[in-house]
């Protein structure tokens, strides 16, 4: 997985203006469930390759974007396409659920 680190500063360019769908992982270093989902996201990134971007946004370091998208619990995954929210997941999700939603937007 390319380590796309999202910030309050680059979010608009990397996510909202992206020509590809973008899965954003809202996380924090102290969050154990966030650490549990990281390898799943790595697998998904490897499987989908260039069809999708996956980025991580640390909520402690980037409160503006976290607040803008009402991220109140982590991990939260939000899938964007053409600057719009397609799907939102809160908490650790099975890989199959995430993959199914991604497949529905890349067709």
PDB file of N, CA and C in Angstrom:
ATOM      1  N   UNK A   1       0.865  -1.178   0.000  1.00  0.00           N
ATOM      2  CA  UNK A   1       0.000   0.000   0.000  1.00  0.00           C
ATOM      3  C   UNK A   1       0.896   1.220   0.000  1.00  0.00           C
ATOM      4  N   UNK A   2       0.608   2.115  -0.900  1.00  0.00           N
ATOM      5  CA  UNK A   2       1.356   3.358  -0.856  1.00  0.00           C
ATOM      6  C   UNK A   2       0.927   4.065   0.420  1.00  0.00           C
ATOM      7  N   UNK A   3       1.865   4.620   1.106  1.00  0.00           N
ATOM      8  CA  UNK A   3       1.545   5.265   2.367  1.00  0.00           C
ATOM      9  C   UNK A   3       1.027   6.666   2.100  1.00  0.00           C
ATOM     10  N   UNK A   4      -0.245   6.751   1.731  1.00  0.00           N
ATOM     11  CA  UNK A   4      -0.867   8.039   1.493  1.00  0.00           C
ATOM     12  C   UNK A   4      -1.314   8.594   2.844  1.00  0.00           C
ATOM     13  N   UNK A   5      -0.567   9.554   3.322  1.00  0.00           N
ATOM     14  CA  UNK A   5      -0.883  10.190   4.593  1.00  0.00           C
ATOM     15  C   UNK A   5      -1.698  11.441   4.298  1.00  0.00           C
ATOM     16  N   UNK A   6      -2.918  11.440   4.791  1.00  0.00           N
ATOM     17  CA  UNK A   6      -3.812  12.573   4.558  1.00  0.00           C
ATOM     18  C   UNK A   6      -3.745  13.544   5.724  1.00  0.00           C
ATOM     19  N   UNK A   7      -3.892  14.822   5.403  1.00  0.00           N
ATOM     20  CA  UNK A   7      -3.865  15.868   6.416  1.00  0.00           C
ATOM     21  C   UNK A   7      -4.986  16.861   6.130  1.00  0.00           C
ATOM     22  N   UNK A   8      -5.186  17.760   7.063  1.00  0.00           N
ATOM     23  CA  UNK A   8      -6.156  18.836   6.836  1.00  0.00           C
ATOM     24  C   UNK A   8      -5.770  19.630   5.583  1.00  0.00           C
ATOM     25  N   UNK A   9      -4.474  19.719   5.307  1.00  0.00           N
ATOM     26  CA  UNK A   9      -3.984  20.524   4.197  1.00  0.00           C
ATOM     27  C   UNK A   9      -4.140  19.844   2.836  1.00  0.00           C
ATOM     28  N   UNK A  10      -3.927  18.525   2.756  1.00  0.00           N
ATOM     29  CA  UNK A  10      -3.938  17.868   1.444  1.00  0.00           C
ATOM     30  C   UNK A  10      -5.221  17.083   1.156  1.00  0.00           C
ATOM     31  N   UNK A  11      -6.155  17.053   2.075  1.00  0.00           N
ATOM     32  CA  UNK A  11      -7.353  16.231   1.934  1.00  0.00           C
ATOM     33  C   UNK A  11      -8.155  16.574   0.683  1.00  0.00           C
ATOM     34  N   UNK A  12      -8.387  17.823   0.448  1.00  0.00           N
ATOM     35  CA  UNK A  12      -9.197  18.227  -0.701  1.00  0.00           C
ATOM     36  C   UNK A  12      -8.569  17.739  -2.005  1.00  0.00           C
ATOM     37  N   UNK A  13      -7.289  17.964  -2.166  1.00  0.00           N
ATOM     38  CA  UNK A  13      -6.598  17.579  -3.402  1.00  0.00           C
ATOM     39  C   UNK A  13      -6.529  16.059  -3.562  1.00  0.00           C
ATOM     40  N   UNK A  14      -6.158  15.364  -2.495  1.00  0.00           N
ATOM     41  CA  UNK A  14      -5.932  13.913  -2.571  1.00  0.00           C
ATOM     42  C   UNK A  14      -7.227  13.099  -2.574  1.00  0.00           C
ATOM     43  N   UNK A  15      -8.271  13.614  -1.939  1.00  0.00           N
ATOM     44  CA  UNK A  15      -9.506  12.840  -1.794  1.00  0.00           C
ATOM     45  C   UNK A  15     -10.647  13.425  -2.617  1.00  0.00           C
ATOM     46  N   UNK A  16     -11.020  14.642  -2.322  1.00  0.00           N
ATOM     47  CA  UNK A  16     -12.209  15.219  -2.949  1.00  0.00           C
ATOM     48  C   UNK A  16     -12.035  15.454  -4.445  1.00  0.00           C
ATOM     49  N   UNK A  17     -10.806  15.731  -4.875  1.00  0.00           N
ATOM     50  CA  UNK A  17     -10.548  15.984  -6.305  1.00  0.00           C
ATOM     51  C   UNK A  17      -9.950  14.774  -7.023  1.00  0.00           C
ATOM     52  N   UNK A  18      -9.873  13.658  -6.354  1.00  0.00           N
ATOM     53  CA  UNK A  18      -9.252  12.470  -6.940  1.00  0.00           C
ATOM     54  C   UNK A  18     -10.107  11.880  -8.058  1.00  0.00           C
ATOM     55  N   UNK A  19      -9.469  11.507  -9.170  1.00  0.00           N
ATOM     56  CA  UNK A  19     -10.215  10.844 -10.243  1.00  0.00           C
ATOM     57  C   UNK A  19     -10.568   9.394  -9.904  1.00  0.00           C
ATOM     58  N   UNK A  20      -9.896   8.835  -8.900  1.00  0.00           N
ATOM     59  CA  UNK A  20     -10.152   7.462  -8.452  1.00  0.00           C
ATOM     60  C   UNK A  20     -10.959   7.482  -7.160  1.00  0.00           C
ATOM     61  N   UNK A  21     -11.669   6.384  -6.866  1.00  0.00           N
ATOM     62  CA  UNK A  21     -12.279   6.275  -5.537  1.00  0.00           C
ATOM     63  C   UNK A  21     -11.171   6.282  -4.471  1.00  0.00           C
ATOM     64  N   UNK A  22     -11.490   6.831  -3.307  1.00  0.00           N
ATOM     65  CA  UNK A  22     -10.522   6.908  -2.211  1.00  0.00           C
ATOM     66  C   UNK A  22     -11.174   6.380  -0.943  1.00  0.00           C
ATOM     67  N   UNK A  23     -10.518   5.415  -0.310  1.00  0.00           N
ATOM     68  CA  UNK A  23     -10.951   4.903   0.982  1.00  0.00           C
ATOM     69  C   UNK A  23     -10.092   5.587   2.043  1.00  0.00           C
ATOM     70  N   UNK A  24     -10.742   6.329   2.928  1.00  0.00           N
ATOM     71  CA  UNK A  24     -10.017   7.064   3.960  1.00  0.00           C
ATOM     72  C   UNK A  24     -10.196   6.358   5.296  1.00  0.00           C
ATOM     73  N   UNK A  25      -9.072   6.071   5.930  1.00  0.00           N
ATOM     74  CA  UNK A  25      -9.036   5.443   7.245  1.00  0.00           C
ATOM     75  C   UNK A  25      -8.767   6.540   8.273  1.00  0.00           C
ATOM     76  N   UNK A  26      -9.797   6.889   9.049  1.00  0.00           N
ATOM     77  CA  UNK A  26      -9.649   7.847  10.143  1.00  0.00           C
ATOM     78  C   UNK A  26      -9.214   7.040  11.357  1.00  0.00           C
ATOM     79  N   UNK A  27      -8.062   7.380  11.924  1.00  0.00           N
ATOM     80  CA  UNK A  27      -7.464   6.553  12.963  1.00  0.00           C
ATOM     81  C   UNK A  27      -6.698   7.408  13.974  1.00  0.00           C
ATOM     82  N   UNK A  28      -6.153   6.746  15.000  1.00  0.00           N
ATOM     83  CA  UNK A  28      -5.254   7.382  15.965  1.00  0.00           C
ATOM     84  C   UNK A  28      -4.271   6.327  16.463  1.00  0.00           C
ATOM     85  N   UNK A  29      -3.102   6.784  16.868  1.00  0.00           N
ATOM     86  CA  UNK A  29      -2.057   5.853  17.316  1.00  0.00           C
ATOM     87  C   UNK A  29      -2.471   5.029  18.521  1.00  0.00           C
ATOM     88  N   UNK A  30      -3.254   5.594  19.422  1.00  0.00           N
ATOM     89  CA  UNK A  30      -3.644   4.924  20.657  1.00  0.00           C
ATOM     90  C   UNK A  30      -4.812   3.949  20.470  1.00  0.00           C
ATOM     91  N   UNK A  31      -5.364   3.888  19.277  1.00  0.00           N
ATOM     92  CA  UNK A  31      -6.569   3.095  18.999  1.00  0.00           C
ATOM     93  C   UNK A  31      -6.200   1.664  18.597  1.00  0.00           C
ATOM     94  N   UNK A  32      -6.468   0.705  19.480  1.00  0.00           N
ATOM     95  CA  UNK A  32      -6.143  -0.697  19.186  1.00  0.00           C
ATOM     96  C   UNK A  32      -6.951  -1.254  18.006  1.00  0.00           C
ATOM     97  N   UNK A  33      -8.261  -1.002  17.922  1.00  0.00           N
ATOM     98  CA  UNK A  33      -8.993  -1.491  16.747  1.00  0.00           C
ATOM     99  C   UNK A  33      -8.447  -0.913  15.434  1.00  0.00           C
ATOM    100  N   UNK A  34      -7.933   0.316  15.478  1.00  0.00           N
ATOM    101  CA  UNK A  34      -7.325   0.913  14.275  1.00  0.00           C
ATOM    102  C   UNK A  34      -6.112   0.098  13.839  1.00  0.00           C
ATOM    103  N   UNK A  35      -5.350  -0.367  14.816  1.00  0.00           N
ATOM    104  CA  UNK A  35      -4.175  -1.174  14.508  1.00  0.00           C
ATOM    105  C   UNK A  35      -4.582  -2.539  13.964  1.00  0.00           C
ATOM    106  N   UNK A  36      -5.748  -3.035  14.423  1.00  0.00           N
ATOM    107  CA  UNK A  36      -6.240  -4.330  13.942  1.00  0.00           C
ATOM    108  C   UNK A  36      -6.665  -4.261  12.475  1.00  0.00           C
ATOM    109  N   UNK A  37      -7.228  -3.151  12.055  1.00  0.00           N
ATOM    110  CA  UNK A  37      -7.738  -3.053  10.682  1.00  0.00           C
ATOM    111  C   UNK A  37      -6.636  -2.691   9.673  1.00  0.00           C
ATOM    112  N   UNK A  38      -5.518  -2.188  10.150  1.00  0.00           N
ATOM    113  CA  UNK A  38      -4.429  -1.767   9.250  1.00  0.00           C
ATOM    114  C   UNK A  38      -3.970  -2.882   8.296  1.00  0.00           C
ATOM    115  N   UNK A  39      -3.742  -4.119   8.773  1.00  0.00           N
ATOM    116  CA  UNK A  39      -3.309  -5.160   7.835  1.00  0.00           C
ATOM    117  C   UNK A  39      -4.391  -5.525   6.812  1.00  0.00           C
ATOM    118  N   UNK A  40      -5.640  -5.398   7.197  1.00  0.00           N
ATOM    119  CA  UNK A  40      -6.747  -5.656   6.269  1.00  0.00           C
ATOM    120  C   UNK A  40      -6.715  -4.622   5.143  1.00  0.00           C
ATOM    121  N   UNK A  41      -6.509  -3.366   5.500  1.00  0.00           N
ATOM    122  CA  UNK A  41      -6.433  -2.307   4.491  1.00  0.00           C
ATOM    123  C   UNK A  41      -5.219  -2.510   3.586  1.00  0.00           C
ATOM    124  N   UNK A  42      -4.139  -3.010   4.150  1.00  0.00           N
ATOM    125  CA  UNK A  42      -2.942  -3.313   3.360  1.00  0.00           C
ATOM    126  C   UNK A  42      -3.269  -4.371   2.309  1.00  0.00           C
ATOM    127  N   UNK A  43      -3.972  -5.428   2.717  1.00  0.00           N
ATOM    128  CA  UNK A  43      -4.362  -6.485   1.783  1.00  0.00           C
ATOM    129  C   UNK A  43      -5.266  -5.935   0.680  1.00  0.00           C
ATOM    130  N   UNK A  44      -6.223  -5.119   1.072  1.00  0.00           N
ATOM    131  CA  UNK A  44      -7.148  -4.536   0.095  1.00  0.00           C
ATOM    132  C   UNK A  44      -6.378  -3.674  -0.904  1.00  0.00           C
ATOM    133  N   UNK A  45      -5.445  -2.886  -0.405  1.00  0.00           N
ATOM    134  CA  UNK A  45      -4.638  -2.028  -1.280  1.00  0.00           C
ATOM    135  C   UNK A  45      -3.861  -2.867  -2.287  1.00  0.00           C
ATOM    136  N   UNK A  46      -3.299  -3.974  -1.836  1.00  0.00           N
ATOM    137  CA  UNK A  46      -2.533  -4.838  -2.729  1.00  0.00           C
ATOM    138  C   UNK A  46      -3.439  -5.495  -3.771  1.00  0.00           C
ATOM    139  N   UNK A  47      -4.642  -5.884  -3.370  1.00  0.00           N
ATOM    140  CA  UNK A  47      -5.567  -6.551  -4.284  1.00  0.00           C
ATOM    141  C   UNK A  47      -6.105  -5.598  -5.361  1.00  0.00           C
ATOM    142  N   UNK A  48      -6.389  -4.367  -4.981  1.00  0.00           N
ATOM    143  CA  UNK A  48      -6.993  -3.429  -5.929  1.00  0.00           C
ATOM    144  C   UNK A  48      -5.973  -2.605  -6.695  1.00  0.00           C
ATOM    145  N   UNK A  49      -4.743  -2.556  -6.215  1.00  0.00           N
ATOM    146  CA  UNK A  49      -3.682  -1.849  -6.932  1.00  0.00           C
ATOM    147  C   UNK A  49      -4.046  -0.412  -7.256  1.00  0.00           C
ATOM    148  N   UNK A  50      -3.954  -0.066  -8.534  1.00  0.00           N
ATOM    149  CA  UNK A  50      -4.159   1.313  -8.983  1.00  0.00           C
ATOM    150  C   UNK A  50      -5.630   1.698  -9.174  1.00  0.00           C
ATOM    151  N   UNK A  51      -6.538   0.775  -8.899  1.00  0.00           N
ATOM    152  CA  UNK A  51      -7.964   1.065  -9.112  1.00  0.00           C
ATOM    153  C   UNK A  51      -8.548   1.977  -8.031  1.00  0.00           C
ATOM    154  N   UNK A  52      -7.867   2.043  -6.902  1.00  0.00           N
ATOM    155  CA  UNK A  52      -8.377   2.810  -5.763  1.00  0.00           C
ATOM    156  C   UNK A  52      -7.197   3.373  -4.985  1.00  0.00           C
ATOM    157  N   UNK A  53      -7.443   4.476  -4.293  1.00  0.00           N
ATOM    158  CA  UNK A  53      -6.443   5.023  -3.375  1.00  0.00           C
ATOM    159  C   UNK A  53      -6.928   4.745  -1.955  1.00  0.00           C
ATOM    160  N   UNK A  54      -5.993   4.416  -1.087  1.00  0.00           N
ATOM    161  CA  UNK A  54      -6.311   4.242   0.326  1.00  0.00           C
ATOM    162  C   UNK A  54      -5.394   5.164   1.103  1.00  0.00           C
ATOM    163  N   UNK A  55      -5.999   6.007   1.928  1.00  0.00           N
ATOM    164  CA  UNK A  55      -5.222   6.958   2.709  1.00  0.00           C
ATOM    165  C   UNK A  55      -5.583   6.901   4.180  1.00  0.00           C
ATOM    166  N   UNK A  56      -4.652   7.349   4.994  1.00  0.00           N
ATOM    167  CA  UNK A  56      -4.853   7.368   6.445  1.00  0.00           C
ATOM    168  C   UNK A  56      -4.843   8.814   6.937  1.00  0.00           C
ATOM    169  N   UNK A  57      -5.792   9.120   7.814  1.00  0.00           N
ATOM    170  CA  UNK A  57      -5.853  10.454   8.396  1.00  0.00           C
ATOM    171  C   UNK A  57      -5.892  10.316   9.912  1.00  0.00           C
ATOM    172  N   UNK A  58      -4.837  10.785  10.556  1.00  0.00           N
ATOM    173  CA  UNK A  58      -4.743  10.743  12.016  1.00  0.00           C
ATOM    174  C   UNK A  58      -5.652  11.838  12.585  1.00  0.00           C
ATOM    175  N   UNK A  59      -6.671  11.430  13.332  1.00  0.00           N
ATOM    176  CA  UNK A  59      -7.661  12.400  13.817  1.00  0.00           C
ATOM    177  C   UNK A  59      -7.089  13.349  14.862  1.00  0.00           C
ATOM    178  N   UNK A  60      -6.082  12.904  15.605  1.00  0.00           N
ATOM    179  CA  UNK A  60      -5.481  13.777  16.619  1.00  0.00           C
ATOM    180  C   UNK A  60      -4.680  14.907  15.978  1.00  0.00           C
ATOM    181  N   UNK A  61      -4.067  14.611  14.851  1.00  0.00           N
ATOM    182  CA  UNK A  61      -3.228  15.600  14.171  1.00  0.00           C
ATOM    183  C   UNK A  61      -4.008  16.438  13.156  1.00  0.00           C
ATOM    184  N   UNK A  62      -5.215  15.993  12.808  1.00  0.00           N
ATOM    185  CA  UNK A  62      -5.998  16.658  11.761  1.00  0.00           C
ATOM    186  C   UNK A  62      -7.459  16.811  12.184  1.00  0.00           C
ATOM    187  N   UNK A  63      -7.699  17.639  13.185  1.00  0.00           N
ATOM    188  CA  UNK A  63      -9.065  17.754  13.724  1.00  0.00           C
ATOM    189  C   UNK A  63     -10.069  18.406  12.772  1.00  0.00           C
ATOM    190  N   UNK A  64      -9.610  19.239  11.865  1.00  0.00           N
ATOM    191  CA  UNK A  64     -10.541  19.938  10.981  1.00  0.00           C
ATOM    192  C   UNK A  64     -11.318  18.961  10.094  1.00  0.00           C
ATOM    193  N   UNK A  65     -10.615  18.086   9.410  1.00  0.00           N
ATOM    194  CA  UNK A  65     -11.265  17.123   8.521  1.00  0.00           C
ATOM    195  C   UNK A  65     -12.091  16.132   9.329  1.00  0.00           C
ATOM    196  N   UNK A  66     -11.571  15.690  10.452  1.00  0.00           N
ATOM    197  CA  UNK A  66     -12.316  14.756  11.306  1.00  0.00           C
ATOM    198  C   UNK A  66     -13.645  15.359  11.734  1.00  0.00           C
ATOM    199  N   UNK A  67     -13.627  16.624  12.090  1.00  0.00           N
ATOM    200  CA  UNK A  67     -14.848  17.318  12.503  1.00  0.00           C
ATOM    201  C   UNK A  67     -15.776  17.541  11.308  1.00  0.00           C
ATOM    202  N   UNK A  68     -15.204  17.931  10.183  1.00  0.00           N
ATOM    203  CA  UNK A  68     -16.001  18.182   8.979  1.00  0.00           C
ATOM    204  C   UNK A  68     -16.835  16.964   8.603  1.00  0.00           C
ATOM    205  N   UNK A  69     -16.257  15.776   8.754  1.00  0.00           N
ATOM    206  CA  UNK A  69     -16.964  14.553   8.383  1.00  0.00           C
ATOM    207  C   UNK A  69     -17.555  13.825   9.590  1.00  0.00           C
ATOM    208  N   UNK A  70     -17.686  14.541  10.704  1.00  0.00           N
ATOM    209  CA  UNK A  70     -18.348  14.028  11.917  1.00  0.00           C
ATOM    210  C   UNK A  70     -17.813  12.670  12.365  1.00  0.00           C
ATOM    211  N   UNK A  71     -16.500  12.542  12.381  1.00  0.00           N
ATOM    212  CA  UNK A  71     -15.891  11.308  12.850  1.00  0.00           C
ATOM    213  C   UNK A  71     -15.868  11.355  14.374  1.00  0.00           C
ATOM    214  N   UNK A  72     -16.711  10.526  14.982  1.00  0.00           N
ATOM    215  CA  UNK A  72     -16.854  10.530  16.439  1.00  0.00           C
ATOM    216  C   UNK A  72     -16.298   9.267  17.080  1.00  0.00           C
ATOM    217  N   UNK A  73     -16.101   8.218  16.290  1.00  0.00           N
ATOM    218  CA  UNK A  73     -15.543   6.966  16.790  1.00  0.00           C
ATOM    219  C   UNK A  73     -14.543   6.474  15.747  1.00  0.00           C
ATOM    220  N   UNK A  74     -13.538   5.757  16.218  1.00  0.00           N
ATOM    221  CA  UNK A  74     -12.542   5.232  15.290  1.00  0.00           C
ATOM    222  C   UNK A  74     -12.307   3.755  15.566  1.00  0.00           C
ATOM    223  N   UNK A  75     -11.923   2.993  14.586  1.00  0.00           N
ATOM    224  CA  UNK A  75     -11.680   3.452  13.231  1.00  0.00           C
ATOM    225  C   UNK A  75     -12.980   3.768  12.491  1.00  0.00           C
ATOM    226  N   UNK A  76     -12.910   4.784  11.654  1.00  0.00           N
ATOM    227  CA  UNK A  76     -13.983   5.084  10.705  1.00  0.00           C
ATOM    228  C   UNK A  76     -13.359   5.052   9.324  1.00  0.00           C
ATOM    229  N   UNK A  77     -14.008   4.321   8.432  1.00  0.00           N
ATOM    230  CA  UNK A  77     -13.585   4.275   7.034  1.00  0.00           C
ATOM    231  C   UNK A  77     -14.662   4.964   6.219  1.00  0.00           C
ATOM    232  N   UNK A  78     -14.249   5.881   5.353  1.00  0.00           N
ATOM    233  CA  UNK A  78     -15.199   6.539   4.458  1.00  0.00           C
ATOM    234  C   UNK A  78     -14.684   6.373   3.036  1.00  0.00           C
ATOM    235  N   UNK A  79     -15.553   5.844   2.180  1.00  0.00           N
ATOM    236  CA  UNK A  79     -15.220   5.673   0.769  1.00  0.00           C
ATOM    237  C   UNK A  79     -15.792   6.845  -0.012  1.00  0.00           C
ATOM    238  N   UNK A  80     -14.913   7.556  -0.706  1.00  0.00           N
ATOM    239  CA  UNK A  80     -15.291   8.714  -1.517  1.00  0.00           C
ATOM    240  C   UNK A  80     -15.154   8.372  -2.991  1.00  0.00           C
ATOM    241  N   UNK A  81     -16.059   8.913  -3.793  1.00  0.00           N
ATOM    242  CA  UNK A  81     -15.926   8.836  -5.251  1.00  0.00           C
ATOM    243  C   UNK A  81     -16.439  10.153  -5.809  1.00  0.00           C
ATOM    244  N   UNK A  82     -15.631  10.772  -6.662  1.00  0.00           N
ATOM    245  CA  UNK A  82     -15.978  12.079  -7.237  1.00  0.00           C
ATOM    246  C   UNK A  82     -16.304  13.104  -6.156  1.00  0.00           C
ATOM    247  N   UNK A  83     -15.575  13.043  -5.056  1.00  0.00           N
ATOM    248  CA  UNK A  83     -15.746  14.018  -3.983  1.00  0.00           C
ATOM    249  C   UNK A  83     -16.940  13.794  -3.079  1.00  0.00           C
ATOM    250  N   UNK A  84     -17.671  12.709  -3.304  1.00  0.00           N
ATOM    251  CA  UNK A  84     -18.866  12.439  -2.507  1.00  0.00           C
ATOM    252  C   UNK A  84     -18.694  11.166  -1.685  1.00  0.00           C
ATOM    253  N   UNK A  85     -19.334  11.140  -0.527  1.00  0.00           N
ATOM    254  CA  UNK A  85     -19.292   9.949   0.319  1.00  0.00           C
ATOM    255  C   UNK A  85     -20.183   8.876  -0.296  1.00  0.00           C
ATOM    256  N   UNK A  86     -19.600   7.708  -0.517  1.00  0.00           N
ATOM    257  CA  UNK A  86     -20.335   6.562  -1.050  1.00  0.00           C
ATOM    258  C   UNK A  86     -20.755   5.640   0.088  1.00  0.00           C
ATOM    259  N   UNK A  87     -19.845   5.410   1.023  1.00  0.00           N
ATOM    260  CA  UNK A  87     -20.111   4.491   2.134  1.00  0.00           C
ATOM    261  C   UNK A  87     -19.274   4.899   3.328  1.00  0.00           C
ATOM    262  N   UNK A  88     -19.828   4.668   4.495  1.00  0.00           N
ATOM    263  CA  UNK A  88     -19.149   4.977   5.746  1.00  0.00           C
ATOM    264  C   UNK A  88     -19.225   3.745   6.637  1.00  0.00           C
ATOM    265  N   UNK A  89     -18.089   3.359   7.198  1.00  0.00           N
ATOM    266  CA  UNK A  89     -18.026   2.244   8.142  1.00  0.00           C
ATOM    267  C   UNK A  89     -17.455   2.769   9.453  1.00  0.00           C
ATOM    268  N   UNK A  90     -18.047   2.382  10.556  1.00  0.00           N
ATOM    269  CA  UNK A  90     -17.498   2.729  11.854  1.00  0.00           C
ATOM    270  C   UNK A  90     -17.187   1.437  12.590  1.00  0.00           C
ATOM    271  N   UNK A  91     -15.985   1.353  13.137  1.00  0.00           N
ATOM    272  CA  UNK A  91     -15.547   0.132  13.812  1.00  0.00           C
ATOM    273  C   UNK A  91     -14.871  -0.807  12.829  1.00  0.00           C
ATOM    274  N   UNK A  92     -14.277  -1.852  13.374  1.00  0.00           N
ATOM    275  CA  UNK A  92     -13.581  -2.840  12.554  1.00  0.00           C
ATOM    276  C   UNK A  92     -14.614  -3.602  11.725  1.00  0.00           C
ATOM    277  N   UNK A  93     -14.355  -3.691  10.437  1.00  0.00           N
ATOM    278  CA  UNK A  93     -15.263  -4.365   9.504  1.00  0.00           C
ATOM    279  C   UNK A  93     -14.567  -5.575   8.890  1.00  0.00           C
ATOM    280  N   UNK A  94     -15.342  -6.606   8.563  1.00  0.00           N
ATOM    281  CA  UNK A  94     -14.733  -7.731   7.841  1.00  0.00           C
ATOM    282  C   UNK A  94     -14.247  -7.277   6.466  1.00  0.00           C
ATOM    283  N   UNK A  95     -13.149  -7.842   6.044  1.00  0.00           N
ATOM    284  CA  UNK A  95     -12.564  -7.485   4.758  1.00  0.00           C
ATOM    285  C   UNK A  95     -13.584  -7.636   3.632  1.00  0.00           C
ATOM    286  N   UNK A  96     -14.383  -8.697   3.671  1.00  0.00           N
ATOM    287  CA  UNK A  96     -15.341  -8.977   2.605  1.00  0.00           C
ATOM    288  C   UNK A  96     -16.347  -7.842   2.435  1.00  0.00           C
ATOM    289  N   UNK A  97     -16.750  -7.235   3.529  1.00  0.00           N
ATOM    290  CA  UNK A  97     -17.731  -6.144   3.483  1.00  0.00           C
ATOM    291  C   UNK A  97     -17.124  -4.930   2.778  1.00  0.00           C
ATOM    292  N   UNK A  98     -15.899  -4.607   3.132  1.00  0.00           N
ATOM    293  CA  UNK A  98     -15.220  -3.458   2.519  1.00  0.00           C
ATOM    294  C   UNK A  98     -14.990  -3.708   1.032  1.00  0.00           C
ATOM    295  N   UNK A  99     -14.528  -4.916   0.704  1.00  0.00           N
ATOM    296  CA  UNK A  99     -14.241  -5.271  -0.690  1.00  0.00           C
ATOM    297  C   UNK A  99     -15.512  -5.204  -1.540  1.00  0.00           C
ATOM    298  N   UNK A 100     -16.624  -5.668  -1.008  1.00  0.00           N
ATOM    299  CA  UNK A 100     -17.888  -5.648  -1.757  1.00  0.00           C
ATOM    300  C   UNK A 100     -18.282  -4.219  -2.145  1.00  0.00           C
ATOM    301  N   UNK A 101     -18.130  -3.295  -1.205  1.00  0.00           N
ATOM    302  CA  UNK A 101     -18.478  -1.900  -1.486  1.00  0.00           C
ATOM    303  C   UNK A 101     -17.508  -1.299  -2.501  1.00  0.00           C
ATOM    304  N   UNK A 102     -16.226  -1.585  -2.356  1.00  0.00           N
ATOM    305  CA  UNK A 102     -15.244  -1.066  -3.319  1.00  0.00           C
ATOM    306  C   UNK A 102     -15.557  -1.599  -4.714  1.00  0.00           C
ATOM    307  N   UNK A 103     -15.837  -2.890  -4.802  1.00  0.00           N
ATOM    308  CA  UNK A 103     -16.172  -3.475  -6.108  1.00  0.00           C
ATOM    309  C   UNK A 103     -17.366  -2.786  -6.751  1.00  0.00           C
ATOM    310  N   UNK A 104     -18.316  -2.374  -5.939  1.00  0.00           N
ATOM    311  CA  UNK A 104     -19.519  -1.738  -6.486  1.00  0.00           C
ATOM    312  C   UNK A 104     -19.231  -0.353  -7.075  1.00  0.00           C
ATOM    313  N   UNK A 105     -18.157   0.295  -6.632  1.00  0.00           N
ATOM    314  CA  UNK A 105     -17.862   1.644  -7.143  1.00  0.00           C
ATOM    315  C   UNK A 105     -16.799   1.677  -8.242  1.00  0.00           C
ATOM    316  N   UNK A 106     -16.064   0.608  -8.408  1.00  0.00           N
ATOM    317  CA  UNK A 106     -15.022   0.641  -9.441  1.00  0.00           C
ATOM    318  C   UNK A 106     -15.495   0.029 -10.751  1.00  0.00           C
ATOM    319  N   UNK A 107     -16.707  -0.452 -10.788  1.00  0.00           N
ATOM    320  CA  UNK A 107     -17.237  -1.047 -12.029  1.00  0.00           C
ATOM    321  C   UNK A 107     -17.724   0.023 -12.958  1.00  0.00           C
TER     322      UNK A 107
END
